[in-house]
Amino acid sequence: MEIKLNDLEITHNPAENRFETWIDGELSKLDYMEDGDTIVMMHVGVNPAHRGQGVAGRVTQVALEYAKERSLRVIPMCSYVGAYIRRHPEYIELTKQHSSE
């Protein structure tokens, strides 16, 4: 099954501390913890049937845009999120400590 990334509905589920999308009844998600002005992105999980099609990247992008809109500092505990940020340098600034000036 081909997944159309632009058609994916990715939702923020704050009750579960995750960004999620459901494809054919299967969950793919990014788990996080938010504390003050920091968001720790802990794990990206994609159903094995949907891997390799950009789902993890799309969910990560939505989560990073959420952090950017709210001026949150991103701590990428998940190696996938860290690699995504290195491949998309427009998000590197989110990982820097905010100055308190």
PDB file of N, CA and C in Angstrom:
ATOM      1  N   MET A   1       0.833  -1.188   0.000  1.00  0.00           N
ATOM      2  CA  MET A   1       0.000   0.000   0.000  1.00  0.00           C
ATOM      3  C   MET A   1       0.879   1.254   0.000  1.00  0.00           C
ATOM      4  N   GLU A   2       0.611   2.125  -0.934  1.00  0.00           N
ATOM      5  CA  GLU A   2       1.360   3.378  -0.996  1.00  0.00           C
ATOM      6  C   GLU A   2       0.693   4.409  -0.092  1.00  0.00           C
ATOM      7  N   ILE A   3       1.522   5.050   0.731  1.00  0.00           N
ATOM      8  CA  ILE A   3       1.016   6.062   1.661  1.00  0.00           C
ATOM      9  C   ILE A   3       1.266   7.440   1.064  1.00  0.00           C
ATOM     10  N   LYS A   4       0.219   8.242   0.994  1.00  0.00           N
ATOM     11  CA  LYS A   4       0.362   9.616   0.514  1.00  0.00           C
ATOM     12  C   LYS A   4       0.614  10.497   1.736  1.00  0.00           C
ATOM     13  N   LEU A   5       1.867  10.912   1.904  1.00  0.00           N
ATOM     14  CA  LEU A   5       2.277  11.640   3.106  1.00  0.00           C
ATOM     15  C   LEU A   5       1.508  12.937   3.299  1.00  0.00           C
ATOM     16  N   ASN A   6       1.222  13.632   2.209  1.00  0.00           N
ATOM     17  CA  ASN A   6       0.508  14.905   2.334  1.00  0.00           C
ATOM     18  C   ASN A   6      -0.936  14.712   2.773  1.00  0.00           C
ATOM     19  N   ASP A   7      -1.460  13.492   2.617  1.00  0.00           N
ATOM     20  CA  ASP A   7      -2.839  13.209   3.016  1.00  0.00           C
ATOM     21  C   ASP A   7      -2.930  12.639   4.428  1.00  0.00           C
ATOM     22  N   LEU A   8      -1.783  12.346   5.034  1.00  0.00           N
ATOM     23  CA  LEU A   8      -1.799  11.782   6.387  1.00  0.00           C
ATOM     24  C   LEU A   8      -2.364  12.788   7.380  1.00  0.00           C
ATOM     25  N   GLU A   9      -3.270  12.339   8.200  1.00  0.00           N
ATOM     26  CA  GLU A   9      -3.787  13.192   9.265  1.00  0.00           C
ATOM     27  C   GLU A   9      -2.985  12.877  10.525  1.00  0.00           C
ATOM     28  N   ILE A  10      -2.145  13.814  10.921  1.00  0.00           N
ATOM     29  CA  ILE A  10      -1.332  13.643  12.120  1.00  0.00           C
ATOM     30  C   ILE A  10      -1.906  14.555  13.187  1.00  0.00           C
ATOM     31  N   THR A  11      -2.260  13.982  14.306  1.00  0.00           N
ATOM     32  CA  THR A  11      -2.897  14.750  15.358  1.00  0.00           C
ATOM     33  C   THR A  11      -2.027  14.782  16.604  1.00  0.00           C
ATOM     34  N   HIS A  12      -2.180  15.855  17.350  1.00  0.00           N
ATOM     35  CA  HIS A  12      -1.512  15.993  18.642  1.00  0.00           C
ATOM     36  C   HIS A  12      -2.472  15.435  19.682  1.00  0.00           C
ATOM     37  N   ASN A  13      -2.012  14.463  20.439  1.00  0.00           N
ATOM     38  CA  ASN A  13      -2.824  13.839  21.481  1.00  0.00           C
ATOM     39  C   ASN A  13      -2.153  14.133  22.825  1.00  0.00           C
ATOM     40  N   PRO A  14      -2.412  15.327  23.407  1.00  0.00           N
ATOM     41  CA  PRO A  14      -1.729  15.704  24.645  1.00  0.00           C
ATOM     42  C   PRO A  14      -2.061  14.790  25.827  1.00  0.00           C
ATOM     43  N   ALA A  15      -3.227  14.163  25.827  1.00  0.00           N
ATOM     44  CA  ALA A  15      -3.581  13.252  26.920  1.00  0.00           C
ATOM     45  C   ALA A  15      -2.635  12.048  26.964  1.00  0.00           C
ATOM     46  N   GLU A  16      -2.136  11.650  25.792  1.00  0.00           N
ATOM     47  CA  GLU A  16      -1.210  10.512  25.703  1.00  0.00           C
ATOM     48  C   GLU A  16       0.238  10.967  25.500  1.00  0.00           C
ATOM     49  N   ASN A  17       0.468  12.284  25.467  1.00  0.00           N
ATOM     50  CA  ASN A  17       1.803  12.840  25.206  1.00  0.00           C
ATOM     51  C   ASN A  17       2.406  12.276  23.921  1.00  0.00           C
ATOM     52  N   ARG A  18       1.649  12.423  22.842  1.00  0.00           N
ATOM     53  CA  ARG A  18       2.170  11.932  21.568  1.00  0.00           C
ATOM     54  C   ARG A  18       1.520  12.644  20.387  1.00  0.00           C
ATOM     55  N   PHE A  19       2.233  12.579  19.264  1.00  0.00           N
ATOM     56  CA  PHE A  19       1.703  12.951  17.962  1.00  0.00           C
ATOM     57  C   PHE A  19       1.436  11.624  17.276  1.00  0.00           C
ATOM     58  N   GLU A  20       0.284  11.509  16.613  1.00  0.00           N
ATOM     59  CA  GLU A  20      -0.085  10.189  16.115  1.00  0.00           C
ATOM     60  C   GLU A  20      -0.791  10.262  14.777  1.00  0.00           C
ATOM     61  N   THR A  21      -0.718   9.141  14.076  1.00  0.00           N
ATOM     62  CA  THR A  21      -1.483   8.960  12.851  1.00  0.00           C
ATOM     63  C   THR A  21      -1.906   7.503  12.805  1.00  0.00           C
ATOM     64  N   TRP A  22      -3.072   7.278  12.271  1.00  0.00           N
ATOM     65  CA  TRP A  22      -3.599   5.926  12.139  1.00  0.00           C
ATOM     66  C   TRP A  22      -3.699   5.599  10.653  1.00  0.00           C
ATOM     67  N   ILE A  23      -3.077   4.506  10.253  1.00  0.00           N
ATOM     68  CA  ILE A  23      -3.114   4.057   8.860  1.00  0.00           C
ATOM     69  C   ILE A  23      -3.664   2.630   8.870  1.00  0.00           C
ATOM     70  N   ASP A  24      -4.769   2.427   8.214  1.00  0.00           N
ATOM     71  CA  ASP A  24      -5.424   1.105   8.195  1.00  0.00           C
ATOM     72  C   ASP A  24      -5.601   0.547   9.607  1.00  0.00           C
ATOM     73  N   GLY A  25      -5.980   1.408  10.540  1.00  0.00           N
ATOM     74  CA  GLY A  25      -6.226   0.970  11.904  1.00  0.00           C
ATOM     75  C   GLY A  25      -4.975   0.721  12.737  1.00  0.00           C
ATOM     76  N   GLU A  26      -3.798   1.021  12.174  1.00  0.00           N
ATOM     77  CA  GLU A  26      -2.529   0.807  12.878  1.00  0.00           C
ATOM     78  C   GLU A  26      -1.925   2.152  13.275  1.00  0.00           C
ATOM     79  N   LEU A  27      -1.463   2.232  14.517  1.00  0.00           N
ATOM     80  CA  LEU A  27      -0.920   3.470  15.067  1.00  0.00           C
ATOM     81  C   LEU A  27       0.556   3.647  14.735  1.00  0.00           C
ATOM     82  N   SER A  28       0.925   4.852  14.328  1.00  0.00           N
ATOM     83  CA  SER A  28       2.316   5.297  14.245  1.00  0.00           C
ATOM     84  C   SER A  28       2.376   6.583  15.052  1.00  0.00           C
ATOM     85  N   LYS A  29       3.479   6.792  15.820  1.00  0.00           N
ATOM     86  CA  LYS A  29       3.458   7.896  16.778  1.00  0.00           C
ATOM     87  C   LYS A  29       4.849   8.389  17.149  1.00  0.00           C
ATOM     88  N   LEU A  30       4.855   9.583  17.725  1.00  0.00           N
ATOM     89  CA  LEU A  30       6.047  10.153  18.359  1.00  0.00           C
ATOM     90  C   LEU A  30       5.644  10.474  19.800  1.00  0.00           C
ATOM     91  N   ASP A  31       6.326   9.823  20.751  1.00  0.00           N
ATOM     92  CA  ASP A  31       6.073  10.059  22.174  1.00  0.00           C
ATOM     93  C   ASP A  31       6.975  11.177  22.677  1.00  0.00           C
ATOM     94  N   TYR A  32       6.447  12.008  23.560  1.00  0.00           N
ATOM     95  CA  TYR A  32       7.224  13.126  24.099  1.00  0.00           C
ATOM     96  C   TYR A  32       6.853  13.386  25.552  1.00  0.00           C
ATOM     97  N   MET A  33       7.697  14.170  26.212  1.00  0.00           N
ATOM     98  CA  MET A  33       7.395  14.744  27.524  1.00  0.00           C
ATOM     99  C   MET A  33       7.626  16.232  27.400  1.00  0.00           C
ATOM    100  N   GLU A  34       6.682  17.017  27.858  1.00  0.00           N
ATOM    101  CA  GLU A  34       6.823  18.471  27.820  1.00  0.00           C
ATOM    102  C   GLU A  34       6.957  18.975  29.250  1.00  0.00           C
ATOM    103  N   ASP A  35       7.956  19.821  29.463  1.00  0.00           N
ATOM    104  CA  ASP A  35       8.200  20.357  30.797  1.00  0.00           C
ATOM    105  C   ASP A  35       8.609  21.821  30.661  1.00  0.00           C
ATOM    106  N   GLY A  36       7.693  22.713  31.016  1.00  0.00           N
ATOM    107  CA  GLY A  36       7.989  24.139  30.890  1.00  0.00           C
ATOM    108  C   GLY A  36       8.235  24.513  29.451  1.00  0.00           C
ATOM    109  N   ASP A  37       9.445  25.032  29.171  1.00  0.00           N
ATOM    110  CA  ASP A  37       9.775  25.454  27.805  1.00  0.00           C
ATOM    111  C   ASP A  37      10.596  24.407  27.057  1.00  0.00           C
ATOM    112  N   THR A  38      10.525  23.155  27.506  1.00  0.00           N
ATOM    113  CA  THR A  38      11.293  22.073  26.897  1.00  0.00           C
ATOM    114  C   THR A  38      10.371  20.925  26.502  1.00  0.00           C
ATOM    115  N   ILE A  39      10.666  20.326  25.350  1.00  0.00           N
ATOM    116  CA  ILE A  39       9.967  19.113  24.933  1.00  0.00           C
ATOM    117  C   ILE A  39      11.025  18.045  24.649  1.00  0.00           C
ATOM    118  N   VAL A  40      10.888  16.923  25.309  1.00  0.00           N
ATOM    119  CA  VAL A  40      11.797  15.793  25.116  1.00  0.00           C
ATOM    120  C   VAL A  40      11.091  14.813  24.178  1.00  0.00           C
ATOM    121  N   MET A  41      11.668  14.627  22.993  1.00  0.00           N
ATOM    122  CA  MET A  41      11.095  13.698  22.021  1.00  0.00           C
ATOM    123  C   MET A  41      11.759  12.351  22.248  1.00  0.00           C
ATOM    124  N   MET A  42      10.971  11.418  22.805  1.00  0.00           N
ATOM    125  CA  MET A  42      11.536  10.186  23.341  1.00  0.00           C
ATOM    126  C   MET A  42      11.547   9.010  22.377  1.00  0.00           C
ATOM    127  N   HIS A  43      10.528   8.891  21.526  1.00  0.00           N
ATOM    128  CA  HIS A  43      10.456   7.689  20.697  1.00  0.00           C
ATOM    129  C   HIS A  43       9.547   7.931  19.499  1.00  0.00           C
ATOM    130  N   VAL A  44      10.007   7.478  18.337  1.00  0.00           N
ATOM    131  CA  VAL A  44       9.156   7.453  17.145  1.00  0.00           C
ATOM    132  C   VAL A  44       8.924   5.993  16.809  1.00  0.00           C
ATOM    133  N   GLY A  45       7.666   5.627  16.693  1.00  0.00           N
ATOM    134  CA  GLY A  45       7.324   4.247  16.355  1.00  0.00           C
ATOM    135  C   GLY A  45       6.372   4.206  15.173  1.00  0.00           C
ATOM    136  N   VAL A  46       6.754   3.425  14.170  1.00  0.00           N
ATOM    137  CA  VAL A  46       5.924   3.267  12.971  1.00  0.00           C
ATOM    138  C   VAL A  46       5.623   1.781  12.818  1.00  0.00           C
ATOM    139  N   ASN A  47       4.370   1.487  12.538  1.00  0.00           N
ATOM    140  CA  ASN A  47       3.980   0.103  12.304  1.00  0.00           C
ATOM    141  C   ASN A  47       4.872  -0.509  11.231  1.00  0.00           C
ATOM    142  N   PRO A  48       5.381  -1.725  11.448  1.00  0.00           N
ATOM    143  CA  PRO A  48       6.300  -2.337  10.478  1.00  0.00           C
ATOM    144  C   PRO A  48       5.784  -2.350   9.033  1.00  0.00           C
ATOM    145  N   ALA A  49       4.475  -2.483   8.860  1.00  0.00           N
ATOM    146  CA  ALA A  49       3.912  -2.513   7.507  1.00  0.00           C
ATOM    147  C   ALA A  49       4.030  -1.173   6.800  1.00  0.00           C
ATOM    148  N   HIS A  50       4.274  -0.098   7.561  1.00  0.00           N
ATOM    149  CA  HIS A  50       4.294   1.242   6.977  1.00  0.00           C
ATOM    150  C   HIS A  50       5.677   1.885   7.004  1.00  0.00           C
ATOM    151  N   ARG A  51       6.674   1.147   7.418  1.00  0.00           N
ATOM    152  CA  ARG A  51       8.028   1.703   7.493  1.00  0.00           C
ATOM    153  C   ARG A  51       8.612   1.913   6.099  1.00  0.00           C
ATOM    154  N   GLY A  52       9.568   2.837   6.032  1.00  0.00           N
ATOM    155  CA  GLY A  52      10.270   3.076   4.776  1.00  0.00           C
ATOM    156  C   GLY A  52       9.491   3.914   3.779  1.00  0.00           C
ATOM    157  N   GLN A  53       8.404   4.538   4.231  1.00  0.00           N
ATOM    158  CA  GLN A  53       7.590   5.337   3.324  1.00  0.00           C
ATOM    159  C   GLN A  53       7.494   6.790   3.756  1.00  0.00           C
ATOM    160  N   GLY A  54       8.287   7.173   4.755  1.00  0.00           N
ATOM    161  CA  GLY A  54       8.313   8.570   5.175  1.00  0.00           C
ATOM    162  C   GLY A  54       7.373   8.930   6.307  1.00  0.00           C
ATOM    163  N   VAL A  55       6.690   7.940   6.884  1.00  0.00           N
ATOM    164  CA  VAL A  55       5.727   8.226   7.949  1.00  0.00           C
ATOM    165  C   VAL A  55       6.433   8.805   9.169  1.00  0.00           C
ATOM    166  N   ALA A  56       7.540   8.203   9.579  1.00  0.00           N
ATOM    167  CA  ALA A  56       8.272   8.697  10.750  1.00  0.00           C
ATOM    168  C   ALA A  56       8.728  10.135  10.541  1.00  0.00           C
ATOM    169  N   GLY A  57       9.203  10.442   9.352  1.00  0.00           N
ATOM    170  CA  GLY A  57       9.643  11.796   9.047  1.00  0.00           C
ATOM    171  C   GLY A  57       8.513  12.795   9.117  1.00  0.00           C
ATOM    172  N   ARG A  58       7.365  12.404   8.612  1.00  0.00           N
ATOM    173  CA  ARG A  58       6.206  13.313   8.609  1.00  0.00           C
ATOM    174  C   ARG A  58       5.719  13.580  10.033  1.00  0.00           C
ATOM    175  N   VAL A  59       5.646  12.536  10.862  1.00  0.00           N
ATOM    176  CA  VAL A  59       5.219  12.703  12.256  1.00  0.00           C
ATOM    177  C   VAL A  59       6.235  13.568  13.002  1.00  0.00           C
ATOM    178  N   THR A  60       7.514  13.342  12.752  1.00  0.00           N
ATOM    179  CA  THR A  60       8.566  14.126  13.395  1.00  0.00           C
ATOM    180  C   THR A  60       8.481  15.586  12.974  1.00  0.00           C
ATOM    181  N   GLN A  61       8.248  15.836  11.701  1.00  0.00           N
ATOM    182  CA  GLN A  61       8.124  17.210  11.213  1.00  0.00           C
ATOM    183  C   GLN A  61       6.980  17.939  11.913  1.00  0.00           C
ATOM    184  N   VAL A  62       5.848  17.286  12.067  1.00  0.00           N
ATOM    185  CA  VAL A  62       4.696  17.907  12.733  1.00  0.00           C
ATOM    186  C   VAL A  62       5.041  18.231  14.186  1.00  0.00           C
ATOM    187  N   ALA A  63       5.721  17.310  14.864  1.00  0.00           N
ATOM    188  CA  ALA A  63       6.106  17.541  16.263  1.00  0.00           C
ATOM    189  C   ALA A  63       7.102  18.695  16.381  1.00  0.00           C
ATOM    190  N   LEU A  64       8.044  18.779  15.452  1.00  0.00           N
ATOM    191  CA  LEU A  64       9.025  19.864  15.483  1.00  0.00           C
ATOM    192  C   LEU A  64       8.367  21.206  15.180  1.00  0.00           C
ATOM    193  N   GLU A  65       7.402  21.222  14.288  1.00  0.00           N
ATOM    194  CA  GLU A  65       6.674  22.464  14.003  1.00  0.00           C
ATOM    195  C   GLU A  65       5.884  22.911  15.231  1.00  0.00           C
ATOM    196  N   TYR A  66       5.314  21.967  15.961  1.00  0.00           N
ATOM    197  CA  TYR A  66       4.618  22.273  17.215  1.00  0.00           C
ATOM    198  C   TYR A  66       5.595  22.953  18.180  1.00  0.00           C
ATOM    199  N   ALA A  67       6.788  22.375  18.329  1.00  0.00           N
ATOM    200  CA  ALA A  67       7.799  22.940  19.231  1.00  0.00           C
ATOM    201  C   ALA A  67       8.214  24.338  18.768  1.00  0.00           C
ATOM    202  N   LYS A  68       8.382  24.499  17.473  1.00  0.00           N
ATOM    203  CA  LYS A  68       8.795  25.790  16.912  1.00  0.00           C
ATOM    204  C   LYS A  68       7.741  26.863  17.176  1.00  0.00           C
ATOM    205  N   GLU A  69       6.480  26.535  16.948  1.00  0.00           N
ATOM    206  CA  GLU A  69       5.390  27.501  17.146  1.00  0.00           C
ATOM    207  C   GLU A  69       5.298  27.965  18.594  1.00  0.00           C
ATOM    208  N   ARG A  70       5.698  27.097  19.518  1.00  0.00           N
ATOM    209  CA  ARG A  70       5.590  27.409  20.947  1.00  0.00           C
ATOM    210  C   ARG A  70       6.928  27.791  21.574  1.00  0.00           C
ATOM    211  N   SER A  71       7.954  27.972  20.743  1.00  0.00           N
ATOM    212  CA  SER A  71       9.306  28.327  21.208  1.00  0.00           C
ATOM    213  C   SER A  71       9.814  27.359  22.271  1.00  0.00           C
ATOM    214  N   LEU A  72       9.583  26.072  22.046  1.00  0.00           N
ATOM    215  CA  LEU A  72      10.062  25.043  22.971  1.00  0.00           C
ATOM    216  C   LEU A  72      11.454  24.585  22.568  1.00  0.00           C
ATOM    217  N   ARG A  73      12.284  24.309  23.550  1.00  0.00           N
ATOM    218  CA  ARG A  73      13.593  23.713  23.288  1.00  0.00           C
ATOM    219  C   ARG A  73      13.386  22.213  23.115  1.00  0.00           C
ATOM    220  N   VAL A  74      13.937  21.657  22.052  1.00  0.00           N
ATOM    221  CA  VAL A  74      13.779  20.242  21.736  1.00  0.00           C
ATOM    222  C   VAL A  74      14.993  19.467  22.233  1.00  0.00           C
ATOM    223  N   ILE A  75      14.725  18.414  22.991  1.00  0.00           N
ATOM    224  CA  ILE A  75      15.769  17.465  23.379  1.00  0.00           C
ATOM    225  C   ILE A  75      15.443  16.153  22.664  1.00  0.00           C
ATOM    226  N   PRO A  76      16.248  15.796  21.646  1.00  0.00           N
ATOM    227  CA  PRO A  76      15.952  14.596  20.868  1.00  0.00           C
ATOM    228  C   PRO A  76      16.543  13.333  21.515  1.00  0.00           C
ATOM    229  N   MET A  77      15.804  12.725  22.454  1.00  0.00           N
ATOM    230  CA  MET A  77      16.257  11.481  23.079  1.00  0.00           C
ATOM    231  C   MET A  77      16.224  10.327  22.070  1.00  0.00           C
ATOM    232  N   CYS A  78      15.304  10.395  21.148  1.00  0.00           N
ATOM    233  CA  CYS A  78      15.160   9.365  20.115  1.00  0.00           C
ATOM    234  C   CYS A  78      16.211   9.601  19.031  1.00  0.00           C
ATOM    235  N   SER A  79      16.933   8.545  18.690  1.00  0.00           N
ATOM    236  CA  SER A  79      17.980   8.690  17.674  1.00  0.00           C
ATOM    237  C   SER A  79      17.393   9.096  16.323  1.00  0.00           C
ATOM    238  N   TYR A  80      16.176   8.656  16.015  1.00  0.00           N
ATOM    239  CA  TYR A  80      15.558   9.051  14.747  1.00  0.00           C
ATOM    240  C   TYR A  80      15.332  10.559  14.705  1.00  0.00           C
ATOM    241  N   VAL A  81      14.818  11.129  15.783  1.00  0.00           N
ATOM    242  CA  VAL A  81      14.569  12.574  15.826  1.00  0.00           C
ATOM    243  C   VAL A  81      15.887  13.332  15.667  1.00  0.00           C
ATOM    244  N   GLY A  82      16.947  12.872  16.341  1.00  0.00           N
ATOM    245  CA  GLY A  82      18.262  13.508  16.207  1.00  0.00           C
ATOM    246  C   GLY A  82      18.754  13.482  14.769  1.00  0.00           C
ATOM    247  N   ALA A  83      18.594  12.331  14.115  1.00  0.00           N
ATOM    248  CA  ALA A  83      19.022  12.200  12.715  1.00  0.00           C
ATOM    249  C   ALA A  83      18.177  13.085  11.808  1.00  0.00           C
ATOM    250  N   TYR A  84      16.884  13.174  12.081  1.00  0.00           N
ATOM    251  CA  TYR A  84      15.993  14.016  11.277  1.00  0.00           C
ATOM    252  C   TYR A  84      16.430  15.476  11.368  1.00  0.00           C
ATOM    253  N   ILE A  85      16.745  15.924  12.588  1.00  0.00           N
ATOM    254  CA  ILE A  85      17.172  17.309  12.774  1.00  0.00           C
ATOM    255  C   ILE A  85      18.490  17.568  12.039  1.00  0.00           C
ATOM    256  N   ARG A  86      19.401  16.617  12.059  1.00  0.00           N
ATOM    257  CA  ARG A  86      20.671  16.797  11.320  1.00  0.00           C
ATOM    258  C   ARG A  86      20.420  16.883   9.814  1.00  0.00           C
ATOM    259  N   ARG A  87      19.430  16.159   9.312  1.00  0.00           N
ATOM    260  CA  ARG A  87      19.113  16.193   7.879  1.00  0.00           C
ATOM    261  C   ARG A  87      18.299  17.425   7.498  1.00  0.00           C
ATOM    262  N   HIS A  88      17.692  18.077   8.486  1.00  0.00           N
ATOM    263  CA  HIS A  88      16.857  19.259   8.251  1.00  0.00           C
ATOM    264  C   HIS A  88      17.349  20.385   9.165  1.00  0.00           C
ATOM    265  N   PRO A  89      18.432  21.045   8.758  1.00  0.00           N
ATOM    266  CA  PRO A  89      19.086  22.031   9.633  1.00  0.00           C
ATOM    267  C   PRO A  89      18.202  23.203  10.051  1.00  0.00           C
ATOM    268  N   GLU A  90      17.062  23.387   9.415  1.00  0.00           N
ATOM    269  CA  GLU A  90      16.173  24.477   9.842  1.00  0.00           C
ATOM    270  C   GLU A  90      15.634  24.234  11.252  1.00  0.00           C
ATOM    271  N   TYR A  91      15.786  23.016  11.768  1.00  0.00           N
ATOM    272  CA  TYR A  91      15.301  22.710  13.122  1.00  0.00           C
ATOM    273  C   TYR A  91      16.418  22.685  14.173  1.00  0.00           C
ATOM    274  N   ILE A  92      17.672  22.835  13.754  1.00  0.00           N
ATOM    275  CA  ILE A  92      18.788  22.744  14.711  1.00  0.00           C
ATOM    276  C   ILE A  92      18.667  23.790  15.815  1.00  0.00           C
ATOM    277  N   GLU A  93      18.222  24.972  15.470  1.00  0.00           N
ATOM    278  CA  GLU A  93      18.106  26.050  16.445  1.00  0.00           C
ATOM    279  C   GLU A  93      17.192  25.643  17.616  1.00  0.00           C
ATOM    280  N   LEU A  94      16.231  24.757  17.368  1.00  0.00           N
ATOM    281  CA  LEU A  94      15.320  24.326  18.428  1.00  0.00           C
ATOM    282  C   LEU A  94      16.031  23.543  19.531  1.00  0.00           C
ATOM    283  N   THR A  95      17.182  22.980  19.217  1.00  0.00           N
ATOM    284  CA  THR A  95      17.883  22.150  20.203  1.00  0.00           C
ATOM    285  C   THR A  95      18.823  22.971  21.096  1.00  0.00           C
ATOM    286  N   LYS A  96      18.971  24.237  20.787  1.00  0.00           N
ATOM    287  CA  LYS A  96      19.904  25.075  21.556  1.00  0.00           C
ATOM    288  C   LYS A  96      19.227  25.593  22.809  1.00  0.00           C
ATOM    289  N   GLN A  97      20.045  25.765  23.842  1.00  0.00           N
ATOM    290  CA  GLN A  97      19.542  26.324  25.112  1.00  0.00           C
ATOM    291  C   GLN A  97      19.105  27.758  24.870  1.00  0.00           C
ATOM    292  N   HIS A  98      17.935  28.099  25.355  1.00  0.00           N
ATOM    293  CA  HIS A  98      17.452  29.473  25.218  1.00  0.00           C
ATOM    294  C   HIS A  98      18.208  30.367  26.183  1.00  0.00           C
ATOM    295  N   SER A  99      18.568  31.541  25.721  1.00  0.00           N
ATOM    296  CA  SER A  99      19.237  32.478  26.630  1.00  0.00           C
ATOM    297  C   SER A  99      18.196  33.085  27.550  1.00  0.00           C
ATOM    298  N   SER A 100      18.614  33.435  28.747  1.00  0.00           N
ATOM    299  CA  SER A 100      17.670  33.995  29.725  1.00  0.00           C
ATOM    300  C   SER A 100      17.809  35.499  29.807  1.00  0.00           C
ATOM    301  N   GLU A 101      18.256  36.105  28.731  1.00  0.00           N
ATOM    302  CA  GLU A 101      18.423  37.570  28.714  1.00  0.00           C
ATOM    303  C   GLU A 101      17.119  38.240  28.380  1.00  0.00           C
TER     304      GLU A 101
END
